[in-house]
Amino acid sequence: ATLACAFVLHQFKQLPITPFTFQSLSGELTVYRDQHGFT
């Protein structure tokens, strides 16, 4: 669901995800996008 959130932010909010950091109950979670998808 975190990967899916990053996909939505990239596709529909035009955020670059290079990287994007989520705040969560497990602390900061960083997601970035490259040629293989979302990490």
PDB file of all heavy atoms in Angstrom:
ATOM      1  N   ALA A   1       0.822  -1.205   0.000  1.00  0.00           N
ATOM      2  CA  ALA A   1       0.000   0.000   0.000  1.00  0.00           C
ATOM      3  C   ALA A   1       0.860   1.262   0.000  1.00  0.00           C
ATOM      4  O   ALA A   1       0.448   2.301  -0.529  1.00  0.00           O
ATOM      5  CB  ALA A   1      -0.952  -0.006   1.194  1.00  0.00           C
ATOM      6  N   THR A   2       2.066   1.201   0.573  1.00  0.00           N
ATOM      7  CA  THR A   2       2.991   2.326   0.499  1.00  0.00           C
ATOM      8  C   THR A   2       3.479   2.515  -0.930  1.00  0.00           C
ATOM      9  O   THR A   2       3.539   3.645  -1.441  1.00  0.00           O
ATOM     10  CB  THR A   2       4.182   2.110   1.445  1.00  0.00           C
ATOM     11  OG1 THR A   2       3.690   1.859   2.763  1.00  0.00           O
ATOM     12  CG2 THR A   2       5.089   3.323   1.469  1.00  0.00           C
ATOM     13  N   LEU A   3       3.821   1.415  -1.592  1.00  0.00           N
ATOM     14  CA  LEU A   3       4.209   1.489  -3.000  1.00  0.00           C
ATOM     15  C   LEU A   3       3.060   2.055  -3.833  1.00  0.00           C
ATOM     16  O   LEU A   3       3.268   2.915  -4.702  1.00  0.00           O
ATOM     17  CB  LEU A   3       4.620   0.101  -3.499  1.00  0.00           C
ATOM     18  CG  LEU A   3       5.246   0.009  -4.890  1.00  0.00           C
ATOM     19  CD1 LEU A   3       6.179  -1.195  -4.974  1.00  0.00           C
ATOM     20  CD2 LEU A   3       4.194  -0.097  -5.992  1.00  0.00           C
ATOM     21  N   ALA A   4       1.829   1.601  -3.551  1.00  0.00           N
ATOM     22  CA  ALA A   4       0.666   2.095  -4.286  1.00  0.00           C
ATOM     23  C   ALA A   4       0.462   3.587  -4.053  1.00  0.00           C
ATOM     24  O   ALA A   4       0.095   4.328  -4.974  1.00  0.00           O
ATOM     25  CB  ALA A   4      -0.575   1.317  -3.873  1.00  0.00           C
ATOM     26  N   CYS A   5       0.705   4.063  -2.819  1.00  0.00           N
ATOM     27  CA  CYS A   5       0.608   5.496  -2.525  1.00  0.00           C
ATOM     28  C   CYS A   5       1.614   6.290  -3.358  1.00  0.00           C
ATOM     29  O   CYS A   5       1.291   7.347  -3.910  1.00  0.00           O
ATOM     30  CB  CYS A   5       0.852   5.749  -1.042  1.00  0.00           C
ATOM     31  SG  CYS A   5      -0.641   5.887  -0.053  1.00  0.00           S
ATOM     32  N   ALA A   6       2.850   5.787  -3.424  1.00  0.00           N
ATOM     33  CA  ALA A   6       3.865   6.467  -4.219  1.00  0.00           C
ATOM     34  C   ALA A   6       3.454   6.526  -5.685  1.00  0.00           C
ATOM     35  O   ALA A   6       3.652   7.554  -6.361  1.00  0.00           O
ATOM     36  CB  ALA A   6       5.207   5.751  -4.063  1.00  0.00           C
ATOM     37  N   PHE A   7       2.872   5.457  -6.192  1.00  0.00           N
ATOM     38  CA  PHE A   7       2.388   5.425  -7.577  1.00  0.00           C
ATOM     39  C   PHE A   7       1.324   6.499  -7.792  1.00  0.00           C
ATOM     40  O   PHE A   7       1.347   7.224  -8.791  1.00  0.00           O
ATOM     41  CB  PHE A   7       1.825   4.036  -7.884  1.00  0.00           C
ATOM     42  CG  PHE A   7       1.205   3.908  -9.243  1.00  0.00           C
ATOM     43  CD1 PHE A   7       1.972   3.567 -10.350  1.00  0.00           C
ATOM     44  CD2 PHE A   7      -0.159   4.124  -9.428  1.00  0.00           C
ATOM     45  CE1 PHE A   7       1.397   3.442 -11.611  1.00  0.00           C
ATOM     46  CE2 PHE A   7      -0.750   3.999 -10.681  1.00  0.00           C
ATOM     47  CZ  PHE A   7       0.044   3.666 -11.773  1.00  0.00           C
ATOM     48  N   VAL A   8       0.381   6.624  -6.859  1.00  0.00           N
ATOM     49  CA  VAL A   8      -0.691   7.622  -6.985  1.00  0.00           C
ATOM     50  C   VAL A   8      -0.116   9.031  -6.954  1.00  0.00           C
ATOM     51  O   VAL A   8      -0.491   9.893  -7.767  1.00  0.00           O
ATOM     52  CB  VAL A   8      -1.735   7.431  -5.859  1.00  0.00           C
ATOM     53  CG1 VAL A   8      -2.686   8.623  -5.788  1.00  0.00           C
ATOM     54  CG2 VAL A   8      -2.522   6.141  -6.084  1.00  0.00           C
ATOM     55  N   LEU A   9       0.806   9.298  -6.031  1.00  0.00           N
ATOM     56  CA  LEU A   9       1.399  10.632  -5.949  1.00  0.00           C
ATOM     57  C   LEU A   9       2.166  10.979  -7.224  1.00  0.00           C
ATOM     58  O   LEU A   9       2.161  12.126  -7.678  1.00  0.00           O
ATOM     59  CB  LEU A   9       2.323  10.709  -4.735  1.00  0.00           C
ATOM     60  CG  LEU A   9       1.635  10.628  -3.370  1.00  0.00           C
ATOM     61  CD1 LEU A   9       2.686  10.623  -2.254  1.00  0.00           C
ATOM     62  CD2 LEU A   9       0.641  11.761  -3.168  1.00  0.00           C
ATOM     63  N   HIS A  10       2.823   9.991  -7.804  1.00  0.00           N
ATOM     64  CA  HIS A  10       3.581  10.224  -9.037  1.00  0.00           C
ATOM     65  C   HIS A  10       2.651  10.415 -10.238  1.00  0.00           C
ATOM     66  O   HIS A  10       2.822  11.363 -11.018  1.00  0.00           O
ATOM     67  CB  HIS A  10       4.533   9.051  -9.287  1.00  0.00           C
ATOM     68  CG  HIS A  10       5.282   9.150 -10.576  1.00  0.00           C
ATOM     69  ND1 HIS A  10       6.270  10.085 -10.795  1.00  0.00           N
ATOM     70  CD2 HIS A  10       5.174   8.431 -11.732  1.00  0.00           C
ATOM     71  CE1 HIS A  10       6.743   9.943 -12.018  1.00  0.00           C
ATOM     72  NE2 HIS A  10       6.105   8.950 -12.607  1.00  0.00           N
ATOM     73  N   GLN A  11       1.660   9.539 -10.373  1.00  0.00           N
ATOM     74  CA  GLN A  11       0.807   9.549 -11.556  1.00  0.00           C
ATOM     75  C   GLN A  11      -0.241  10.664 -11.529  1.00  0.00           C
ATOM     76  O   GLN A  11      -0.561  11.239 -12.577  1.00  0.00           O
ATOM     77  CB  GLN A  11       0.095   8.204 -11.694  1.00  0.00           C
ATOM     78  CG  GLN A  11       0.991   7.051 -12.046  1.00  0.00           C
ATOM     79  CD  GLN A  11       1.496   7.112 -13.476  1.00  0.00           C
ATOM     80  OE1 GLN A  11       2.652   7.453 -13.714  1.00  0.00           O
ATOM     81  NE2 GLN A  11       0.634   6.802 -14.418  1.00  0.00           N
ATOM     82  N   PHE A  12      -0.789  10.946 -10.354  1.00  0.00           N
ATOM     83  CA  PHE A  12      -1.931  11.851 -10.289  1.00  0.00           C
ATOM     84  C   PHE A  12      -1.616  13.195  -9.629  1.00  0.00           C
ATOM     85  O   PHE A  12      -2.349  14.159  -9.815  1.00  0.00           O
ATOM     86  CB  PHE A  12      -3.091  11.177  -9.545  1.00  0.00           C
ATOM     87  CG  PHE A  12      -3.625   9.985 -10.274  1.00  0.00           C
ATOM     88  CD1 PHE A  12      -3.186   8.711  -9.960  1.00  0.00           C
ATOM     89  CD2 PHE A  12      -4.547  10.131 -11.290  1.00  0.00           C
ATOM     90  CE1 PHE A  12      -3.663   7.601 -10.641  1.00  0.00           C
ATOM     91  CE2 PHE A  12      -5.029   9.028 -11.984  1.00  0.00           C
ATOM     92  CZ  PHE A  12      -4.585   7.762 -11.659  1.00  0.00           C
ATOM     93  N   LYS A  13      -0.531  13.274  -8.868  1.00  0.00           N
ATOM     94  CA  LYS A  13      -0.129  14.537  -8.239  1.00  0.00           C
ATOM     95  C   LYS A  13       1.176  15.076  -8.823  1.00  0.00           C
ATOM     96  O   LYS A  13       1.666  16.119  -8.392  1.00  0.00           O
ATOM     97  CB  LYS A  13       0.001  14.358  -6.725  1.00  0.00           C
ATOM     98  CG  LYS A  13      -1.295  13.928  -6.046  1.00  0.00           C
ATOM     99  CD  LYS A  13      -2.402  14.964  -6.233  1.00  0.00           C
ATOM    100  CE  LYS A  13      -3.692  14.537  -5.584  1.00  0.00           C
ATOM    101  NZ  LYS A  13      -4.775  15.540  -5.800  1.00  0.00           N
ATOM    102  N   GLN A  14       1.725  14.342  -9.791  1.00  0.00           N
ATOM    103  CA  GLN A  14       2.938  14.754 -10.507  1.00  0.00           C
ATOM    104  C   GLN A  14       4.130  15.004  -9.580  1.00  0.00           C
ATOM    105  O   GLN A  14       4.973  15.855  -9.837  1.00  0.00           O
ATOM    106  CB  GLN A  14       2.674  16.004 -11.364  1.00  0.00           C
ATOM    107  CG  GLN A  14       1.858  15.742 -12.621  1.00  0.00           C
ATOM    108  CD  GLN A  14       0.384  15.508 -12.320  1.00  0.00           C
ATOM    109  OE1 GLN A  14      -0.257  16.345 -11.687  1.00  0.00           O
ATOM    110  NE2 GLN A  14      -0.148  14.392 -12.776  1.00  0.00           N
ATOM    111  N   LEU A  15       4.195  14.266  -8.482  1.00  0.00           N
ATOM    112  CA  LEU A  15       5.366  14.342  -7.621  1.00  0.00           C
ATOM    113  C   LEU A  15       6.471  13.448  -8.186  1.00  0.00           C
ATOM    114  O   LEU A  15       6.198  12.345  -8.661  1.00  0.00           O
ATOM    115  CB  LEU A  15       5.010  13.910  -6.200  1.00  0.00           C
ATOM    116  CG  LEU A  15       4.006  14.816  -5.459  1.00  0.00           C
ATOM    117  CD1 LEU A  15       3.761  14.287  -4.050  1.00  0.00           C
ATOM    118  CD2 LEU A  15       4.493  16.251  -5.399  1.00  0.00           C
ATOM    119  N   PRO A  16       7.715  13.883  -8.152  1.00  0.00           N
ATOM    120  CA  PRO A  16       8.784  13.117  -8.811  1.00  0.00           C
ATOM    121  C   PRO A  16       9.188  11.837  -8.083  1.00  0.00           C
ATOM    122  O   PRO A  16       9.768  10.950  -8.684  1.00  0.00           O
ATOM    123  CB  PRO A  16       9.947  14.113  -8.853  1.00  0.00           C
ATOM    124  CG  PRO A  16       9.684  15.062  -7.729  1.00  0.00           C
ATOM    125  CD  PRO A  16       8.202  15.173  -7.619  1.00  0.00           C
ATOM    126  N   ILE A  17       8.950  11.712  -6.782  1.00  0.00           N
ATOM    127  CA  ILE A  17       9.341  10.530  -5.993  1.00  0.00           C
ATOM    128  C   ILE A  17      10.840  10.274  -6.133  1.00  0.00           C
ATOM    129  O   ILE A  17      11.297   9.187  -6.471  1.00  0.00           O
ATOM    130  CB  ILE A  17       8.526   9.267  -6.389  1.00  0.00           C
ATOM    131  CG1 ILE A  17       7.045   9.600  -6.573  1.00  0.00           C
ATOM    132  CG2 ILE A  17       8.679   8.179  -5.318  1.00  0.00           C
ATOM    133  CD1 ILE A  17       6.339  10.078  -5.321  1.00  0.00           C
ATOM    134  N   THR A  18      11.636  11.329  -5.878  1.00  0.00           N
ATOM    135  CA  THR A  18      13.094  11.206  -6.039  1.00  0.00           C
ATOM    136  C   THR A  18      13.878  11.820  -4.878  1.00  0.00           C
ATOM    137  O   THR A  18      14.760  12.651  -5.127  1.00  0.00           O
ATOM    138  CB  THR A  18      13.521  11.891  -7.339  1.00  0.00           C
ATOM    139  OG1 THR A  18      13.066  13.275  -7.294  1.00  0.00           O
ATOM    140  CG2 THR A  18      13.012  11.218  -8.570  1.00  0.00           C
ATOM    141  N   PRO A  19      13.681  11.394  -3.659  1.00  0.00           N
ATOM    142  CA  PRO A  19      12.661  10.447  -3.186  1.00  0.00           C
ATOM    143  C   PRO A  19      11.481  11.195  -2.552  1.00  0.00           C
ATOM    144  O   PRO A  19      11.457  12.420  -2.537  1.00  0.00           O
ATOM    145  CB  PRO A  19      13.422   9.663  -2.113  1.00  0.00           C
ATOM    146  CG  PRO A  19      14.332  10.727  -1.510  1.00  0.00           C
ATOM    147  CD  PRO A  19      14.706  11.654  -2.644  1.00  0.00           C
ATOM    148  N   PHE A  20      10.548  10.420  -2.001  1.00  0.00           N
ATOM    149  CA  PHE A  20       9.451  10.959  -1.194  1.00  0.00           C
ATOM    150  C   PHE A  20       9.490  10.242   0.147  1.00  0.00           C
ATOM    151  O   PHE A  20       9.656   9.022   0.194  1.00  0.00           O
ATOM    152  CB  PHE A  20       8.096  10.737  -1.866  1.00  0.00           C
ATOM    153  CG  PHE A  20       6.950  11.398  -1.141  1.00  0.00           C
ATOM    154  CD1 PHE A  20       6.601  12.708  -1.428  1.00  0.00           C
ATOM    155  CD2 PHE A  20       6.230  10.721  -0.165  1.00  0.00           C
ATOM    156  CE1 PHE A  20       5.552  13.337  -0.761  1.00  0.00           C
ATOM    157  CE2 PHE A  20       5.185  11.332   0.502  1.00  0.00           C
ATOM    158  CZ  PHE A  20       4.843  12.656   0.202  1.00  0.00           C
ATOM    159  N   THR A  21       9.324  10.989   1.231  1.00  0.00           N
ATOM    160  CA  THR A  21       9.385  10.398   2.568  1.00  0.00           C
ATOM    161  C   THR A  21       8.026  10.472   3.240  1.00  0.00           C
ATOM    162  O   THR A  21       7.460  11.555   3.407  1.00  0.00           O
ATOM    163  CB  THR A  21      10.431  11.095   3.448  1.00  0.00           C
ATOM    164  OG1 THR A  21      11.719  10.968   2.832  1.00  0.00           O
ATOM    165  CG2 THR A  21      10.488  10.463   4.832  1.00  0.00           C
ATOM    166  N   PHE A  22       7.495   9.300   3.594  1.00  0.00           N
ATOM    167  CA  PHE A  22       6.239   9.207   4.337  1.00  0.00           C
ATOM    168  C   PHE A  22       6.544   9.218   5.831  1.00  0.00           C
ATOM    169  O   PHE A  22       7.541   8.643   6.281  1.00  0.00           O
ATOM    170  CB  PHE A  22       5.506   7.905   4.003  1.00  0.00           C
ATOM    171  CG  PHE A  22       4.997   7.810   2.600  1.00  0.00           C
ATOM    172  CD1 PHE A  22       5.720   7.118   1.631  1.00  0.00           C
ATOM    173  CD2 PHE A  22       3.788   8.391   2.235  1.00  0.00           C
ATOM    174  CE1 PHE A  22       5.250   7.014   0.334  1.00  0.00           C
ATOM    175  CE2 PHE A  22       3.317   8.296   0.940  1.00  0.00           C
ATOM    176  CZ  PHE A  22       4.036   7.613  -0.018  1.00  0.00           C
ATOM    177  N   GLN A  23       5.641   9.844   6.585  1.00  0.00           N
ATOM    178  CA  GLN A  23       5.667   9.767   8.043  1.00  0.00           C
ATOM    179  C   GLN A  23       4.651   8.713   8.467  1.00  0.00           C
ATOM    180  O   GLN A  23       3.502   8.736   8.007  1.00  0.00           O
ATOM    181  CB  GLN A  23       5.322  11.120   8.667  1.00  0.00           C
ATOM    182  CG  GLN A  23       6.152  12.278   8.136  1.00  0.00           C
ATOM    183  CD  GLN A  23       7.634  12.136   8.433  1.00  0.00           C
ATOM    184  OE1 GLN A  23       8.019  11.624   9.489  1.00  0.00           O
ATOM    185  NE2 GLN A  23       8.472  12.597   7.509  1.00  0.00           N
ATOM    186  N   SER A  24       5.056   7.797   9.356  1.00  0.00           N
ATOM    187  CA  SER A  24       4.175   6.681   9.683  1.00  0.00           C
ATOM    188  C   SER A  24       4.392   6.223  11.116  1.00  0.00           C
ATOM    189  O   SER A  24       5.296   6.695  11.816  1.00  0.00           O
ATOM    190  CB  SER A  24       4.442   5.504   8.730  1.00  0.00           C
ATOM    191  OG  SER A  24       5.600   4.786   9.127  1.00  0.00           O
ATOM    192  N   LEU A  25       3.583   5.253  11.546  1.00  0.00           N
ATOM    193  CA  LEU A  25       3.756   4.653  12.866  1.00  0.00           C
ATOM    194  C   LEU A  25       5.062   3.875  12.973  1.00  0.00           C
ATOM    195  O   LEU A  25       5.497   3.536  14.073  1.00  0.00           O
ATOM    196  CB  LEU A  25       2.573   3.723  13.179  1.00  0.00           C
ATOM    197  CG  LEU A  25       1.224   4.398  13.419  1.00  0.00           C
ATOM    198  CD1 LEU A  25       0.136   3.359  13.628  1.00  0.00           C
ATOM    199  CD2 LEU A  25       1.288   5.342  14.614  1.00  0.00           C
ATOM    200  N   SER A  26       5.680   3.570  11.837  1.00  0.00           N
ATOM    201  CA  SER A  26       6.986   2.903  11.827  1.00  0.00           C
ATOM    202  C   SER A  26       8.119   3.880  11.533  1.00  0.00           C
ATOM    203  O   SER A  26       9.215   3.469  11.144  1.00  0.00           O
ATOM    204  CB  SER A  26       6.990   1.768  10.799  1.00  0.00           C
ATOM    205  OG  SER A  26       6.140   0.721  11.209  1.00  0.00           O
ATOM    206  N   GLY A  27       7.860   5.165  11.718  1.00  0.00           N
ATOM    207  CA  GLY A  27       8.880   6.173  11.466  1.00  0.00           C
ATOM    208  C   GLY A  27       8.861   6.659  10.025  1.00  0.00           C
ATOM    209  O   GLY A  27       7.876   6.495   9.301  1.00  0.00           O
ATOM    210  N   GLU A  28       9.960   7.266   9.611  1.00  0.00           N
ATOM    211  CA  GLU A  28      10.066   7.767   8.248  1.00  0.00           C
ATOM    212  C   GLU A  28      10.309   6.617   7.274  1.00  0.00           C
ATOM    213  O   GLU A  28      11.158   5.760   7.510  1.00  0.00           O
ATOM    214  CB  GLU A  28      11.204   8.780   8.140  1.00  0.00           C
ATOM    215  CG  GLU A  28      10.937  10.086   8.872  1.00  0.00           C
ATOM    216  CD  GLU A  28      11.985  11.135   8.573  1.00  0.00           C
ATOM    217  OE1 GLU A  28      13.054  10.790   8.003  1.00  0.00           O
ATOM    218  OE2 GLU A  28      11.749  12.314   8.906  1.00  0.00           O
ATOM    219  N   LEU A  29       9.548   6.617   6.186  1.00  0.00           N
ATOM    220  CA  LEU A  29       9.674   5.590   5.152  1.00  0.00           C
ATOM    221  C   LEU A  29       9.922   6.295   3.826  1.00  0.00           C
ATOM    222  O   LEU A  29       9.082   7.053   3.345  1.00  0.00           O
ATOM    223  CB  LEU A  29       8.403   4.742   5.068  1.00  0.00           C
ATOM    224  CG  LEU A  29       7.975   4.027   6.354  1.00  0.00           C
ATOM    225  CD1 LEU A  29       6.625   3.352   6.151  1.00  0.00           C
ATOM    226  CD2 LEU A  29       9.021   3.008   6.794  1.00  0.00           C
ATOM    227  N   THR A  30      11.069   6.026   3.239  1.00  0.00           N
ATOM    228  CA  THR A  30      11.455   6.696   2.003  1.00  0.00           C
ATOM    229  C   THR A  30      11.165   5.803   0.804  1.00  0.00           C
ATOM    230  O   THR A  30      11.433   4.595   0.830  1.00  0.00           O
ATOM    231  CB  THR A  30      12.946   7.057   2.034  1.00  0.00           C
ATOM    232  OG1 THR A  30      13.183   7.947   3.137  1.00  0.00           O
ATOM    233  CG2 THR A  30      13.375   7.747   0.756  1.00  0.00           C
ATOM    234  N   VAL A  31      10.611   6.401  -0.229  1.00  0.00           N
ATOM    235  CA  VAL A  31      10.335   5.701  -1.488  1.00  0.00           C
ATOM    236  C   VAL A  31      10.960   6.505  -2.621  1.00  0.00           C
ATOM    237  O   VAL A  31      10.856   7.734  -2.643  1.00  0.00           O
ATOM    238  CB  VAL A  31       8.820   5.555  -1.738  1.00  0.00           C
ATOM    239  CG1 VAL A  31       8.561   4.739  -3.006  1.00  0.00           C
ATOM    240  CG2 VAL A  31       8.129   4.913  -0.543  1.00  0.00           C
ATOM    241  N   TYR A  32      11.626   5.823  -3.541  1.00  0.00           N
ATOM    242  CA  TYR A  32      12.115   6.519  -4.727  1.00  0.00           C
ATOM    243  C   TYR A  32      11.812   5.692  -5.971  1.00  0.00           C
ATOM    244  O   TYR A  32      11.559   4.480  -5.900  1.00  0.00           O
ATOM    245  CB  TYR A  32      13.614   6.846  -4.616  1.00  0.00           C
ATOM    246  CG  TYR A  32      14.530   5.658  -4.471  1.00  0.00           C
ATOM    247  CD1 TYR A  32      15.029   4.981  -5.581  1.00  0.00           C
ATOM    248  CD2 TYR A  32      14.929   5.218  -3.206  1.00  0.00           C
ATOM    249  CE1 TYR A  32      15.878   3.906  -5.445  1.00  0.00           C
ATOM    250  CE2 TYR A  32      15.784   4.142  -3.057  1.00  0.00           C
ATOM    251  CZ  TYR A  32      16.260   3.492  -4.175  1.00  0.00           C
ATOM    252  OH  TYR A  32      17.095   2.423  -4.035  1.00  0.00           O
ATOM    253  N   ARG A  33      11.829   6.364  -7.104  1.00  0.00           N
ATOM    254  CA  ARG A  33      11.464   5.743  -8.373  1.00  0.00           C
ATOM    255  C   ARG A  33      12.682   5.682  -9.283  1.00  0.00           C
ATOM    256  O   ARG A  33      13.445   6.645  -9.380  1.00  0.00           O
ATOM    257  CB  ARG A  33      10.342   6.542  -9.040  1.00  0.00           C
ATOM    258  CG  ARG A  33       9.818   5.948 -10.335  1.00  0.00           C
ATOM    259  CD  ARG A  33       8.594   6.718 -10.834  1.00  0.00           C
ATOM    260  NE  ARG A  33       8.113   6.186 -12.098  1.00  0.00           N
ATOM    261  CZ  ARG A  33       8.504   6.635 -13.291  1.00  0.00           C
ATOM    262  NH1 ARG A  33       9.371   7.634 -13.372  1.00  0.00           N
ATOM    263  NH2 ARG A  33       8.018   6.097 -14.397  1.00  0.00           N
ATOM    264  N   ASP A  34      12.862   4.517  -9.947  1.00  0.00           N
ATOM    265  CA  ASP A  34      13.915   4.388 -10.935  1.00  0.00           C
ATOM    266  C   ASP A  34      13.417   3.507 -12.075  1.00  0.00           C
ATOM    267  O   ASP A  34      12.207   3.259 -12.198  1.00  0.00           O
ATOM    268  CB  ASP A  34      15.205   3.839 -10.311  1.00  0.00           C
ATOM    269  CG  ASP A  34      15.024   2.456  -9.686  1.00  0.00           C
ATOM    270  OD1 ASP A  34      14.049   1.748 -10.048  1.00  0.00           O
ATOM    271  OD2 ASP A  34      15.853   2.074  -8.842  1.00  0.00           O
ATOM    272  N   GLN A  35      14.330   3.022 -12.896  1.00  0.00           N
ATOM    273  CA  GLN A  35      13.921   2.252 -14.079  1.00  0.00           C
ATOM    274  C   GLN A  35      13.267   0.925 -13.727  1.00  0.00           C
ATOM    275  O   GLN A  35      12.595   0.313 -14.564  1.00  0.00           O
ATOM    276  CB  GLN A  35      15.128   2.009 -15.001  1.00  0.00           C
ATOM    277  CG  GLN A  35      16.172   1.025 -14.468  1.00  0.00           C
ATOM    278  CD  GLN A  35      17.218   1.684 -13.616  1.00  0.00           C
ATOM    279  OE1 GLN A  35      17.007   2.762 -13.080  1.00  0.00           O
ATOM    280  NE2 GLN A  35      18.389   1.035 -13.506  1.00  0.00           N
ATOM    281  N   HIS A  36      13.451   0.446 -12.489  1.00  0.00           N
ATOM    282  CA  HIS A  36      12.864  -0.828 -12.092  1.00  0.00           C
ATOM    283  C   HIS A  36      11.493  -0.669 -11.424  1.00  0.00           C
ATOM    284  O   HIS A  36      10.832  -1.663 -11.144  1.00  0.00           O
ATOM    285  CB  HIS A  36      13.807  -1.560 -11.127  1.00  0.00           C
ATOM    286  CG  HIS A  36      15.133  -1.901 -11.735  1.00  0.00           C
ATOM    287  ND1 HIS A  36      15.273  -2.724 -12.823  1.00  0.00           N
ATOM    288  CD2 HIS A  36      16.393  -1.499 -11.393  1.00  0.00           C
ATOM    289  CE1 HIS A  36      16.551  -2.838 -13.132  1.00  0.00           C
ATOM    290  NE2 HIS A  36      17.249  -2.108 -12.292  1.00  0.00           N
ATOM    291  N   GLY A  37      11.086   0.561 -11.139  1.00  0.00           N
ATOM    292  CA  GLY A  37       9.797   0.777 -10.481  1.00  0.00           C
ATOM    293  C   GLY A  37       9.960   1.678  -9.268  1.00  0.00           C
ATOM    294  O   GLY A  37      10.696   2.674  -9.308  1.00  0.00           O
ATOM    295  N   PHE A  38       9.297   1.317  -8.190  1.00  0.00           N
ATOM    296  CA  PHE A  38       9.341   2.083  -6.955  1.00  0.00           C
ATOM    297  C   PHE A  38      10.072   1.257  -5.893  1.00  0.00           C
ATOM    298  O   PHE A  38       9.784   0.075  -5.717  1.00  0.00           O
ATOM    299  CB  PHE A  38       7.934   2.417  -6.470  1.00  0.00           C
ATOM    300  CG  PHE A  38       7.179   3.334  -7.398  1.00  0.00           C
ATOM    301  CD1 PHE A  38       6.430   2.821  -8.448  1.00  0.00           C
ATOM    302  CD2 PHE A  38       7.223   4.710  -7.228  1.00  0.00           C
ATOM    303  CE1 PHE A  38       5.744   3.665  -9.313  1.00  0.00           C
ATOM    304  CE2 PHE A  38       6.541   5.559  -8.077  1.00  0.00           C
ATOM    305  CZ  PHE A  38       5.798   5.038  -9.126  1.00  0.00           C
ATOM    306  N   THR A  39      11.002   1.897  -5.203  1.00  0.00           N
ATOM    307  CA  THR A  39      11.785   1.216  -4.174  1.00  0.00           C
ATOM    308  C   THR A  39      11.392   1.734  -2.802  1.00  0.00           C
ATOM    309  O   THR A  39      11.422   2.944  -2.547  1.00  0.00           O
ATOM    310  CB  THR A  39      13.289   1.426  -4.398  1.00  0.00           C
ATOM    311  OG1 THR A  39      13.669   0.807  -5.626  1.00  0.00           O
ATOM    312  CG2 THR A  39      14.095   0.796  -3.251  1.00  0.00           C
TER     313      THR A  39
END
